[in-house]
Amino acid sequence: MKRLLLVGRSGCGKTSLTQALRGEQVHYQKTQSMVFDDFLIDSPGEYAENHDLGAALALYSYEADVVALLIAADDDYSLFPPCITCLVNREVIGIVTKIDKADPRRAERWLRLSGCKTVYFVNSVTREGTEAVLKHLENNKNQTKIEQNTEK
C-alpha cells in the first residue's frame, strides 16, 4: 500500500477521512501534530494555513508516496494556489470531502486549477468514495513488473 499524506485547512475532513480509510468509527478529533500510520499521514490544518509551517509539509511529503490536497465541498475558498502541484516531486491527487454538504464541483475546479489531474469525492461518514481512494493506493507489483518487461 502506498503511503498517503493528507493536506488541507482545519476542518476540511482530513482526520475523518483517515478514520474512514482505516475502517474506524468516524468521530471528531483535532489533530495537534503529524500522525503517522501504516499508509496514512494526517497533518494538522495549521501546517497548510500558516506560511511558516508550510515548509514542514514539504519535508513530510518525502515520507509519502502520494500527496492528497483536500478541500471540503462547503469550503468558501481554496488554500492552494494555481499550479502548485508542479512543486511536489510526488504524485498529487485531489480529494473533495463533505460531498453531502454542498455542491462539490466548485471544490473540484479549485483542485484541478491547483494541478490535480485525479480528483476523488468522499463522504467519510457514509464512506462513499473511500474505496476508490484505497484502490488508488494499492501497490500493483505485478503490473509494475509487466510494464518493466515491456520497456526492455
Protein backbone atom coordinates (compact mmCIF):
# COMPACT_ATOMS: atom_id res chain seq x y z
CA MET A 1 0.00 0.00 0.00
CA LYS A 2 1.30 3.43 -0.93
CA ARG A 3 1.60 5.96 1.91
CA LEU A 4 -0.71 9.00 1.61
CA LEU A 5 -0.10 12.47 3.09
CA LEU A 6 -3.33 14.43 3.69
CA VAL A 7 -3.02 18.23 3.39
CA GLY A 8 -5.76 20.80 3.83
CA ARG A 9 -7.17 23.53 6.05
CA SER A 10 -8.51 22.90 9.54
CA GLY A 11 -11.93 21.30 9.47
CA CYS A 12 -11.79 20.07 5.86
CA GLY A 13 -12.10 16.43 6.93
CA LYS A 14 -8.54 15.05 6.93
CA THR A 15 -8.85 13.18 10.23
CA SER A 16 -12.38 11.96 9.46
CA LEU A 17 -11.10 10.62 6.13
CA THR A 18 -8.19 8.95 7.94
CA GLN A 19 -10.65 7.23 10.28
CA ALA A 20 -12.89 6.16 7.38
CA LEU A 21 -9.97 4.77 5.35
CA ARG A 22 -8.88 2.74 8.39
CA GLY A 23 -12.43 1.39 8.81
CA GLU A 24 -12.87 3.13 12.18
CA GLN A 25 -15.92 4.85 13.59
CA VAL A 26 -15.77 8.48 12.41
CA HIS A 27 -15.70 10.94 15.31
CA TYR A 28 -14.33 14.45 15.77
CA GLN A 29 -10.72 14.56 16.87
CA LYS A 30 -8.47 17.61 16.49
CA THR A 31 -5.10 16.71 15.02
CA GLN A 32 -2.41 18.54 17.01
CA SER A 33 0.69 17.10 15.34
CA MET A 34 1.66 14.90 12.40
CA VAL A 35 0.03 11.47 12.82
CA PHE A 36 1.72 8.53 11.07
CA ASP A 37 0.01 5.24 10.28
CA ASP A 38 0.99 2.31 8.10
CA PHE A 39 -0.31 4.02 4.97
CA LEU A 40 -1.57 7.44 6.13
CA ILE A 41 -0.01 10.67 7.33
CA ASP A 42 -2.56 13.10 8.80
CA SER A 43 -1.34 16.69 9.06
CA PRO A 44 -2.78 19.47 11.22
CA GLY A 45 -4.62 22.10 9.19
CA GLU A 46 -2.41 24.80 10.68
CA TYR A 47 0.52 23.43 8.66
CA ALA A 48 -1.29 24.33 5.43
CA GLU A 49 -2.76 27.57 6.79
CA ASN A 50 0.40 29.09 8.22
CA HIS A 51 3.18 30.10 5.83
CA ASP A 52 5.87 29.50 8.47
CA LEU A 53 4.73 25.88 8.94
CA GLY A 54 4.34 25.12 5.23
CA ALA A 55 7.96 24.03 4.92
CA ALA A 56 7.20 21.18 7.32
CA LEU A 57 4.66 19.81 4.84
CA ALA A 58 7.33 19.79 2.15
CA LEU A 59 9.60 17.77 4.43
CA TYR A 60 6.84 15.33 5.42
CA SER A 61 5.96 14.80 1.75
CA TYR A 62 9.22 12.86 1.44
CA GLU A 63 7.70 10.26 3.79
CA ALA A 64 4.75 9.75 1.41
CA ASP A 65 4.26 8.18 -1.98
CA VAL A 66 1.17 10.25 -2.74
CA VAL A 67 0.15 13.72 -1.51
CA ALA A 68 -3.57 14.50 -1.30
CA LEU A 69 -4.84 18.06 -1.33
CA LEU A 70 -8.21 18.19 0.44
CA ILE A 71 -10.95 20.77 0.04
CA ALA A 72 -14.38 20.36 1.64
CA ALA A 73 -17.36 20.85 -0.66
CA ASP A 74 -18.62 23.57 1.68
CA ASP A 75 -15.32 25.48 1.92
CA ASP A 76 -15.52 29.16 0.98
CA TYR A 77 -12.06 29.30 -0.56
CA SER A 78 -9.04 27.22 -1.52
CA LEU A 79 -5.70 27.43 0.26
CA PHE A 80 -3.92 26.02 -2.77
CA PRO A 81 -2.65 28.38 -5.46
CA PRO A 82 -2.87 27.55 -9.17
CA CYS A 83 -0.35 25.02 -10.49
CA ILE A 84 1.09 24.26 -7.02
CA THR A 85 1.38 20.52 -7.69
CA CYS A 86 4.34 21.03 -10.02
CA LEU A 87 6.42 21.93 -6.95
CA VAL A 88 5.92 18.48 -5.40
CA ASN A 89 8.07 15.59 -6.54
CA ARG A 90 5.38 13.08 -5.56
CA GLU A 91 2.11 12.14 -7.17
CA VAL A 92 -0.56 14.66 -6.09
CA ILE A 93 -4.26 13.84 -6.05
CA GLY A 94 -7.24 15.93 -5.03
CA ILE A 95 -9.95 14.85 -2.62
CA VAL A 96 -13.24 16.70 -2.19
CA THR A 97 -14.70 15.90 1.24
CA LYS A 98 -18.12 16.54 2.78
CA ILE A 99 -19.82 15.96 -0.56
CA ASP A 100 -23.19 15.76 1.21
CA LYS A 101 -22.90 19.36 2.50
CA ALA A 102 -22.75 21.34 -0.77
CA ASP A 103 -22.12 21.06 -4.49
CA PRO A 104 -18.62 19.53 -4.79
CA ARG A 105 -17.94 20.85 -8.32
CA ARG A 106 -16.51 24.17 -7.13
CA ALA A 107 -14.01 22.37 -4.88
CA GLU A 108 -13.14 20.06 -7.78
CA ARG A 109 -12.44 23.07 -10.03
CA TRP A 110 -10.14 24.55 -7.37
CA LEU A 111 -8.23 21.26 -7.06
CA ARG A 112 -7.87 20.94 -10.84
CA LEU A 113 -6.68 24.56 -11.02
CA SER A 114 -4.06 23.65 -8.41
CA GLY A 115 -2.85 20.93 -10.77
CA CYS A 116 -4.62 17.77 -9.54
CA LYS A 117 -5.34 15.54 -12.52
CA THR A 118 -7.11 12.93 -10.38
CA VAL A 119 -9.87 14.05 -8.00
CA TYR A 120 -11.90 11.83 -5.67
CA PHE A 121 -15.20 12.69 -4.00
CA VAL A 122 -15.75 11.30 -0.49
CA ASN A 123 -18.18 11.35 2.38
CA SER A 124 -16.26 9.98 5.35
CA VAL A 125 -19.38 9.36 7.46
CA THR A 126 -21.05 7.10 4.87
CA ARG A 127 -17.67 6.01 3.43
CA GLU A 128 -18.83 6.93 -0.07
CA GLY A 129 -15.78 7.25 -2.31
CA THR A 130 -13.29 5.81 0.19
CA GLU A 131 -12.92 2.53 -1.73
CA ALA A 132 -11.72 4.45 -4.79
CA VAL A 133 -9.05 6.21 -2.72
CA LEU A 134 -7.91 2.90 -1.20
CA LYS A 135 -7.78 1.30 -4.64
CA HIS A 136 -5.59 4.19 -5.83
CA LEU A 137 -3.15 3.45 -3.01
CA GLU A 138 -2.83 -0.26 -3.75
CA ASN A 139 0.57 -1.41 -4.92
CA ASN A 140 0.32 -3.34 -8.16
CA LYS A 141 3.69 -5.07 -8.11
CA ASN A 142 2.70 -7.49 -10.88
CA GLN A 143 1.62 -4.61 -13.12
CA THR A 144 4.93 -2.86 -12.44
CA LYS A 145 6.89 -5.99 -13.43
CA ILE A 146 4.88 -6.33 -16.65
CA GLU A 147 5.47 -2.67 -17.51
CA GLN A 148 9.21 -3.11 -16.86
CA ASN A 149 9.34 -6.19 -19.11
CA THR A 150 7.63 -4.40 -21.99
CA GLU A 151 10.08 -1.49 -21.77
CA LYS A 152 13.08 -3.76 -22.48
